[in-house]
PDB file of N, CA and C in Angstrom:
ATOM      1  N   MET A   1     106.254 -60.198 179.929  1.00  0.00           N
ATOM      2  CA  MET A   1     105.990 -59.341 178.631  1.00  0.00           C
ATOM      3  C   MET A   1     105.166 -60.846 178.240  1.00  0.00           C
ATOM      4  N   THR A   2     103.936 -60.898 177.527  1.00  0.00           N
ATOM      5  CA  THR A   2     104.015 -61.928 176.499  1.00  0.00           C
ATOM      6  C   THR A   2     102.893 -61.492 175.071  1.00  0.00           C
ATOM      7  N   LYS A   3     103.569 -61.881 174.445  1.00  0.00           N
ATOM      8  CA  LYS A   3     103.205 -61.956 173.128  1.00  0.00           C
ATOM      9  C   LYS A   3     102.798 -62.223 172.159  1.00  0.00           C
ATOM     10  N   GLU A   4     102.149 -62.859 171.120  1.00  0.00           N
ATOM     11  CA  GLU A   4     101.712 -63.802 170.420  1.00  0.00           C
ATOM     12  C   GLU A   4     101.213 -63.483 168.537  1.00  0.00           C
ATOM     13  N   PHE A   5     101.893 -65.076 168.013  1.00  0.00           N
ATOM     14  CA  PHE A   5     102.215 -64.187 166.545  1.00  0.00           C
ATOM     15  C   PHE A   5     101.472 -65.136 165.890  1.00  0.00           C
ATOM     16  N   GLU A   6     100.967 -66.187 164.852  1.00  0.00           N
ATOM     17  CA  GLU A   6     100.950 -66.984 163.898  1.00  0.00           C
ATOM     18  C   GLU A   6     100.958 -68.354 164.517  1.00  0.00           C
ATOM     19  N   HIS A   7     102.765 -68.055 164.408  1.00  0.00           N
ATOM     20  CA  HIS A   7     103.791 -69.410 164.228  1.00  0.00           C
ATOM     21  C   HIS A   7     104.194 -69.653 165.251  1.00  0.00           C
ATOM     22  N   LEU A   8     103.963 -68.501 166.512  1.00  0.00           N
ATOM     23  CA  LEU A   8     105.308 -68.693 167.355  1.00  0.00           C
ATOM     24  C   LEU A   8     104.547 -67.967 168.547  1.00  0.00           C
ATOM     25  N   LYS A   9     105.103 -68.422 170.094  1.00  0.00           N
ATOM     26  CA  LYS A   9     104.343 -67.950 170.956  1.00  0.00           C
ATOM     27  C   LYS A   9     105.786 -66.755 171.493  1.00  0.00           C
ATOM     28  N   PHE A  10     105.378 -66.513 172.066  1.00  0.00           N
ATOM     29  CA  PHE A  10     107.317 -65.099 172.857  1.00  0.00           C
ATOM     30  C   PHE A  10     106.795 -64.477 173.971  1.00  0.00           C
ATOM     31  N   LYS A  11     107.374 -64.674 174.755  1.00  0.00           N
ATOM     32  CA  LYS A  11     106.744 -64.132 175.991  1.00  0.00           C
ATOM     33  C   LYS A  11     108.227 -63.904 177.235  1.00  0.00           C
ATOM     34  N   ILE A  12     108.624 -62.572 177.490  1.00  0.00           N
ATOM     35  CA  ILE A  12     109.749 -62.868 178.103  1.00  0.00           C
ATOM     36  C   ILE A  12     109.341 -62.871 179.993  1.00  0.00           C
ATOM     37  N   ASP A  13     110.055 -63.819 180.320  1.00  0.00           N
ATOM     38  CA  ASP A  13     110.119 -63.568 182.081  1.00  0.00           C
ATOM     39  C   ASP A  13     111.050 -63.655 182.468  1.00  0.00           C
ATOM     40  N   ASP A  14     111.000 -62.914 183.794  1.00  0.00           N
ATOM     41  CA  ASP A  14     112.784 -62.907 184.769  1.00  0.00           C
ATOM     42  C   ASP A  14     113.954 -63.006 183.914  1.00  0.00           C
ATOM     43  N   ARG A  15     114.026 -61.991 183.270  1.00  0.00           N
ATOM     44  CA  ARG A  15     115.357 -61.836 182.009  1.00  0.00           C
ATOM     45  C   ARG A  15     115.282 -63.393 181.323  1.00  0.00           C
ATOM     46  N   VAL A  16     114.764 -63.859 181.082  1.00  0.00           N
ATOM     47  CA  VAL A  16     114.601 -64.947 180.324  1.00  0.00           C
ATOM     48  C   VAL A  16     113.389 -64.854 179.388  1.00  0.00           C
ATOM     49  N   ALA A  17     114.016 -64.254 177.358  1.00  0.00           N
ATOM     50  CA  ALA A  17     112.744 -64.782 176.269  1.00  0.00           C
ATOM     51  C   ALA A  17     112.887 -66.023 175.991  1.00  0.00           C
ATOM     52  N   ARG A  18     111.328 -66.549 175.691  1.00  0.00           N
ATOM     53  CA  ARG A  18     110.970 -68.093 174.827  1.00  0.00           C
ATOM     54  C   ARG A  18     110.142 -68.100 174.508  1.00  0.00           C
ATOM     55  N   ILE A  19     110.654 -68.769 173.007  1.00  0.00           N
ATOM     56  CA  ILE A  19     110.309 -68.266 172.012  1.00  0.00           C
ATOM     57  C   ILE A  19     109.756 -69.814 171.519  1.00  0.00           C
ATOM     58  N   THR A  20     108.711 -70.356 171.428  1.00  0.00           N
ATOM     59  CA  THR A  20     107.598 -71.237 171.577  1.00  0.00           C
ATOM     60  C   THR A  20     107.150 -71.315 169.774  1.00  0.00           C
ATOM     61  N   PHE A  21     107.551 -72.180 168.835  1.00  0.00           N
ATOM     62  CA  PHE A  21     107.468 -73.268 167.680  1.00  0.00           C
ATOM     63  C   PHE A  21     105.564 -73.484 168.202  1.00  0.00           C
ATOM     64  N   ALA A  22     105.040 -73.059 166.725  1.00  0.00           N
ATOM     65  CA  ALA A  22     103.670 -73.087 166.463  1.00  0.00           C
ATOM     66  C   ALA A  22     103.423 -73.366 165.566  1.00  0.00           C
ATOM     67  N   ARG A  23     103.821 -74.203 165.355  1.00  0.00           N
ATOM     68  CA  ARG A  23     103.327 -74.796 164.113  1.00  0.00           C
ATOM     69  C   ARG A  23     103.290 -76.581 163.855  1.00  0.00           C
ATOM     70  N   PRO A  24     101.960 -77.108 164.368  1.00  0.00           N
ATOM     71  CA  PRO A  24     102.679 -78.455 163.828  1.00  0.00           C
ATOM     72  C   PRO A  24     102.057 -79.443 162.789  1.00  0.00           C
ATOM     73  N   PRO A  25     102.283 -80.130 163.071  1.00  0.00           N
ATOM     74  CA  PRO A  25     102.447 -81.183 163.870  1.00  0.00           C
ATOM     75  C   PRO A  25     104.534 -81.555 163.713  1.00  0.00           C
ATOM     76  N   LEU A  26     104.999 -80.590 162.757  1.00  0.00           N
ATOM     77  CA  LEU A  26     106.736 -80.674 162.754  1.00  0.00           C
ATOM     78  C   LEU A  26     106.505 -79.346 162.771  1.00  0.00           C
ATOM     79  N   ASN A  27     106.521 -77.910 162.423  1.00  0.00           N
ATOM     80  CA  ASN A  27     106.797 -76.324 163.510  1.00  0.00           C
ATOM     81  C   ASN A  27     107.589 -76.745 162.234  1.00  0.00           C
ATOM     82  N   VAL A  28     107.702 -76.984 160.834  1.00  0.00           N
ATOM     83  CA  VAL A  28     107.970 -77.146 160.061  1.00  0.00           C
ATOM     84  C   VAL A  28     108.672 -75.014 159.386  1.00  0.00           C
ATOM     85  N   PHE A  29     110.027 -74.757 159.311  1.00  0.00           N
ATOM     86  CA  PHE A  29     109.603 -72.886 159.325  1.00  0.00           C
ATOM     87  C   PHE A  29     109.749 -72.575 157.597  1.00  0.00           C
ATOM     88  N   ASN A  30     108.206 -71.528 157.878  1.00  0.00           N
ATOM     89  CA  ASN A  30     108.372 -71.460 156.198  1.00  0.00           C
ATOM     90  C   ASN A  30     108.488 -69.349 156.672  1.00  0.00           C
ATOM     91  N   ILE A  31     108.303 -68.698 155.170  1.00  0.00           N
ATOM     92  CA  ILE A  31     108.484 -67.536 155.417  1.00  0.00           C
ATOM     93  C   ILE A  31     107.709 -66.949 155.883  1.00  0.00           C
ATOM     94  N   SER A  32     106.757 -67.189 157.253  1.00  0.00           N
ATOM     95  CA  SER A  32     105.654 -65.908 158.125  1.00  0.00           C
ATOM     96  C   SER A  32     106.845 -66.311 158.537  1.00  0.00           C
ATOM     97  N   MET A  33     106.633 -67.365 158.625  1.00  0.00           N
ATOM     98  CA  MET A  33     107.277 -67.821 160.659  1.00  0.00           C
ATOM     99  C   MET A  33     108.934 -67.938 160.782  1.00  0.00           C
ATOM    100  N   MET A  34     109.808 -67.423 159.787  1.00  0.00           N
ATOM    101  CA  MET A  34     111.088 -66.653 159.917  1.00  0.00           C
ATOM    102  C   MET A  34     110.858 -65.728 160.342  1.00  0.00           C
ATOM    103  N   ARG A  35     109.953 -64.171 159.403  1.00  0.00           N
ATOM    104  CA  ARG A  35     109.895 -62.985 159.918  1.00  0.00           C
ATOM    105  C   ARG A  35     109.306 -63.023 161.600  1.00  0.00           C
ATOM    106  N   GLU A  36     108.891 -64.119 162.089  1.00  0.00           N
ATOM    107  CA  GLU A  36     108.407 -64.030 163.242  1.00  0.00           C
ATOM    108  C   GLU A  36     109.242 -64.668 164.184  1.00  0.00           C
ATOM    109  N   ILE A  37     109.744 -64.647 163.602  1.00  0.00           N
ATOM    110  CA  ILE A  37     110.984 -65.015 165.382  1.00  0.00           C
ATOM    111  C   ILE A  37     111.675 -63.617 164.739  1.00  0.00           C
ATOM    112  N   GLY A  38     112.064 -63.071 163.388  1.00  0.00           N
ATOM    113  CA  GLY A  38     112.777 -61.719 163.684  1.00  0.00           C
ATOM    114  C   GLY A  38     112.137 -60.993 164.375  1.00  0.00           C
ATOM    115  N   ASP A  39     111.199 -60.427 163.922  1.00  0.00           N
ATOM    116  CA  ASP A  39     110.227 -59.578 165.074  1.00  0.00           C
ATOM    117  C   ASP A  39     110.441 -59.907 166.452  1.00  0.00           C
ATOM    118  N   ALA A  40     110.366 -61.021 167.189  1.00  0.00           N
ATOM    119  CA  ALA A  40     110.729 -61.921 168.546  1.00  0.00           C
ATOM    120  C   ALA A  40     111.260 -61.327 168.156  1.00  0.00           C
ATOM    121  N   LEU A  41     113.055 -61.832 167.887  1.00  0.00           N
ATOM    122  CA  LEU A  41     114.496 -61.204 168.247  1.00  0.00           C
ATOM    123  C   LEU A  41     114.272 -59.733 168.576  1.00  0.00           C
ATOM    124  N   ASN A  42     113.792 -58.838 167.047  1.00  0.00           N
ATOM    125  CA  ASN A  42     113.340 -57.647 167.938  1.00  0.00           C
ATOM    126  C   ASN A  42     112.590 -56.755 169.117  1.00  0.00           C
ATOM    127  N   ASP A  43     112.289 -57.951 169.601  1.00  0.00           N
ATOM    128  CA  ASP A  43     111.330 -57.137 170.789  1.00  0.00           C
ATOM    129  C   ASP A  43     111.882 -57.016 171.558  1.00  0.00           C
ATOM    130  N   CYS A  44     113.227 -57.724 171.939  1.00  0.00           N
ATOM    131  CA  CYS A  44     113.547 -58.581 172.887  1.00  0.00           C
ATOM    132  C   CYS A  44     115.266 -57.607 172.985  1.00  0.00           C
ATOM    133  N   LEU A  45     114.706 -56.775 171.958  1.00  0.00           N
ATOM    134  CA  LEU A  45     115.707 -55.304 172.026  1.00  0.00           C
ATOM    135  C   LEU A  45     116.105 -54.361 172.881  1.00  0.00           C
ATOM    136  N   PRO A  46     115.293 -54.459 173.497  1.00  0.00           N
ATOM    137  CA  PRO A  46     115.740 -52.850 174.084  1.00  0.00           C
ATOM    138  C   PRO A  46     115.531 -53.330 175.795  1.00  0.00           C
ATOM    139  N   HIS A  47     115.184 -55.036 175.687  1.00  0.00           N
ATOM    140  CA  HIS A  47     115.121 -55.347 177.394  1.00  0.00           C
ATOM    141  C   HIS A  47     116.859 -56.099 177.668  1.00  0.00           C
ATOM    142  N   ARG A  48     117.936 -55.177 177.322  1.00  0.00           N
ATOM    143  CA  ARG A  48     119.133 -54.966 177.731  1.00  0.00           C
ATOM    144  C   ARG A  48     119.586 -55.796 179.390  1.00  0.00           C
ATOM    145  N   ASP A  49     118.670 -56.573 180.216  1.00  0.00           N
ATOM    146  CA  ASP A  49     118.749 -57.201 180.736  1.00  0.00           C
ATOM    147  C   ASP A  49     118.850 -58.503 181.097  1.00  0.00           C
ATOM    148  N   LEU A  50     118.129 -59.652 179.948  1.00  0.00           N
ATOM    149  CA  LEU A  50     117.781 -60.089 179.083  1.00  0.00           C
ATOM    150  C   LEU A  50     119.343 -61.100 179.191  1.00  0.00           C
ATOM    151  N   ALA A  51     119.445 -62.340 180.382  1.00  0.00           N
ATOM    152  CA  ALA A  51     119.966 -63.337 180.452  1.00  0.00           C
ATOM    153  C   ALA A  51     120.610 -64.520 179.031  1.00  0.00           C
ATOM    154  N   ALA A  52     119.144 -64.867 178.144  1.00  0.00           N
ATOM    155  CA  ALA A  52     119.690 -65.764 178.011  1.00  0.00           C
ATOM    156  C   ALA A  52     117.913 -65.429 177.060  1.00  0.00           C
ATOM    157  N   ILE A  53     117.453 -66.056 175.477  1.00  0.00           N
ATOM    158  CA  ILE A  53     116.114 -66.731 175.150  1.00  0.00           C
ATOM    159  C   ILE A  53     116.586 -68.037 174.471  1.00  0.00           C
ATOM    160  N   VAL A  54     115.359 -68.227 174.453  1.00  0.00           N
ATOM    161  CA  VAL A  54     115.699 -69.590 174.347  1.00  0.00           C
ATOM    162  C   VAL A  54     114.105 -70.611 173.200  1.00  0.00           C
ATOM    163  N   PHE A  55     114.989 -72.076 172.785  1.00  0.00           N
ATOM    164  CA  PHE A  55     113.734 -71.156 171.862  1.00  0.00           C
ATOM    165  C   PHE A  55     113.320 -72.827 172.195  1.00  0.00           C
ATOM    166  N   ARG A  56     112.177 -72.870 171.570  1.00  0.00           N
ATOM    167  CA  ARG A  56     111.160 -74.543 172.243  1.00  0.00           C
ATOM    168  C   ARG A  56     110.586 -75.302 171.447  1.00  0.00           C
ATOM    169  N   ARG A  57     110.676 -76.085 170.960  1.00  0.00           N
ATOM    170  CA  ARG A  57     109.265 -76.538 170.480  1.00  0.00           C
ATOM    171  C   ARG A  57     107.872 -76.992 170.665  1.00  0.00           C
ATOM    172  N   GLY A  58     106.807 -76.403 169.843  1.00  0.00           N
ATOM    173  CA  GLY A  58     105.512 -76.327 170.211  1.00  0.00           C
ATOM    174  C   GLY A  58     105.264 -77.573 170.537  1.00  0.00           C
ATOM    175  N   ALA A  59     103.946 -77.740 170.934  1.00  0.00           N
ATOM    176  CA  ALA A  59     103.345 -79.750 170.551  1.00  0.00           C
ATOM    177  C   ALA A  59     103.203 -80.375 169.984  1.00  0.00           C
ATOM    178  N   ARG A  60     103.424 -81.501 170.024  1.00  0.00           N
ATOM    179  CA  ARG A  60     103.239 -82.316 168.806  1.00  0.00           C
ATOM    180  C   ARG A  60     101.738 -82.846 168.612  1.00  0.00           C
ATOM    181  N   HIS A  61     101.636 -83.437 167.588  1.00  0.00           N
ATOM    182  CA  HIS A  61     100.508 -84.519 167.905  1.00  0.00           C
ATOM    183  C   HIS A  61     101.216 -86.107 168.287  1.00  0.00           C
ATOM    184  N   GLN A  62     100.015 -86.663 168.091  1.00  0.00           N
ATOM    185  CA  GLN A  62     100.648 -87.506 169.755  1.00  0.00           C
ATOM    186  C   GLN A  62     100.816 -88.243 168.243  1.00  0.00           C
ATOM    187  N   GLY A  63     101.722 -89.781 168.498  1.00  0.00           N
ATOM    188  CA  GLY A  63     102.444 -90.562 167.674  1.00  0.00           C
ATOM    189  C   GLY A  63     103.940 -90.339 166.714  1.00  0.00           C
ATOM    190  N   LEU A  64     104.979 -88.782 167.376  1.00  0.00           N
ATOM    191  CA  LEU A  64     105.171 -88.134 166.092  1.00  0.00           C
ATOM    192  C   LEU A  64     106.629 -87.858 167.030  1.00  0.00           C
TER     193      LEU A  64
END
């Protein structure tokens, strides 16, 4: 399962949910991004077999 938000990428694969922050260059959280994180975590609820939820940073601009 893959789902894209404005500030995140969200994917569940092989019992692992991955939430990737996609707000370059520094991936600073704002209210909208925090809401999307909550939505992604809610999307994890029906998947009772999940082993992990991994948070990752997205790509940064060169030089940072």
